Protein backbone atom coordinates (compact mmCIF):
# COMPACT_ATOMS: atom_id res chain seq x y z
CA UNK A 1 -91.89 64.74 -65.25
CA UNK A 2 -92.84 65.33 -61.60
CA UNK A 3 -95.85 64.01 -59.70
CA UNK A 4 -97.49 67.40 -59.90
CA UNK A 5 -97.54 67.25 -63.65
CA UNK A 6 -100.14 65.03 -65.16
CA UNK A 7 -100.03 62.78 -68.10
CA UNK A 8 -102.39 64.05 -70.79
CA UNK A 9 -102.88 60.58 -72.27
CA UNK A 10 -103.95 59.14 -68.91
CA UNK A 11 -106.35 62.02 -68.31
CA UNK A 12 -107.86 61.55 -71.76
CA UNK A 13 -108.26 57.82 -71.08
CA UNK A 14 -109.97 58.56 -67.75
CA UNK A 15 -112.36 61.03 -69.36
CA UNK A 16 -113.09 58.61 -72.19
CA UNK A 17 -113.91 55.81 -69.72
CA UNK A 18 -116.19 58.10 -67.70
CA UNK A 19 -117.89 59.25 -70.89
CA UNK A 20 -118.36 55.66 -72.07
CA UNK A 21 -119.83 54.67 -68.71
CA UNK A 22 -122.22 57.63 -68.76
CA UNK A 23 -123.24 56.87 -72.35
CA UNK A 24 -123.88 53.22 -71.46
CA UNK A 25 -126.02 54.26 -68.49
CA UNK A 26 -128.01 56.60 -70.72
CA UNK A 27 -128.50 53.86 -73.32
CA UNK A 28 -129.71 51.42 -70.67
CA UNK A 29 -132.08 54.00 -69.22
CA UNK A 30 -133.43 54.81 -72.67
CA UNK A 31 -133.89 51.11 -73.49
CA UNK A 32 -135.75 50.45 -70.24
CA UNK A 33 -138.05 53.41 -70.90
CA UNK A 34 -138.78 52.12 -74.40
CA UNK A 35 -139.57 48.67 -73.02
CA UNK A 36 -141.92 50.20 -70.45
CA UNK A 37 -143.66 52.24 -73.14
CA UNK A 38 -144.08 49.12 -75.26
CA UNK A 39 -145.64 47.30 -72.31
CA UNK A 40 -147.99 50.22 -71.61
CA UNK A 41 -149.05 50.44 -75.26
CA UNK A 42 -149.67 46.70 -75.39
CA UNK A 43 -151.72 46.83 -72.19
CA UNK A 44 -153.89 49.70 -73.43
CA UNK A 45 -154.31 48.04 -76.81
CA UNK A 46 -155.44 44.77 -75.23
CA UNK A 47 -157.86 46.63 -72.96
CA UNK A 48 -159.39 48.47 -75.92
CA UNK A 49 -159.76 45.22 -77.86
CA UNK A 50 -161.44 43.61 -74.86
CA UNK A 51 -163.81 46.58 -74.45
CA UNK A 52 -164.64 46.43 -78.15
CA UNK A 53 -165.41 42.71 -77.91
CA UNK A 54 -167.62 43.27 -74.86
CA UNK A 55 -169.44 46.09 -76.61
CA UNK A 56 -169.93 43.95 -79.69
CA UNK A 57 -171.29 41.12 -77.54
CA UNK A 58 -173.72 43.43 -75.73
CA UNK A 59 -174.90 44.88 -79.03
CA UNK A 60 -175.51 41.44 -80.49
CA UNK A 61 -177.37 40.38 -77.33
CA UNK A 62 -179.51 43.50 -77.53
CA UNK A 63 -180.32 42.88 -81.17
CA UNK A 64 -181.22 39.28 -80.47
CA UNK A 65 -183.91 40.16 -77.89
CA UNK A 66 -187.21 38.82 -79.10
CA UNK A 67 -189.98 41.12 -77.96
CA UNK A 68 -193.46 39.67 -77.82
CA UNK A 69 -196.33 41.54 -79.36
CA UNK A 70 -197.94 42.41 -76.01
CA UNK A 71 -194.65 43.92 -74.81
CA UNK A 72 -194.47 46.07 -77.92
CA UNK A 73 -198.08 47.18 -77.42
CA UNK A 74 -197.35 48.14 -73.80
CA UNK A 75 -194.39 50.25 -74.89
CA UNK A 76 -196.52 51.97 -77.54
CA UNK A 77 -199.14 52.83 -74.92
CA UNK A 78 -196.50 54.26 -72.61
CA UNK A 79 -195.07 56.35 -75.43
CA UNK A 80 -198.52 57.69 -76.30
CA UNK A 81 -199.02 58.80 -72.70
CA UNK A 82 -195.78 60.72 -72.78
């Protein structure tokens, strides 16, 4: 066999190594994207939970306001004028 001829087994090995490297790179890229998506989902979920808690707190504060009778009468008068 001369230098110009190539060894099929060596070429197959080379291609297999390149393919394995490319597959590993793709797997790593895919894994990192999944991790980033998990982080983003967790962040959004925590934000929504926090907003819900704040809304719940504001609602409970609103419901706990104790209006005095004169305040209620004033509001009734204003509504009548409208």
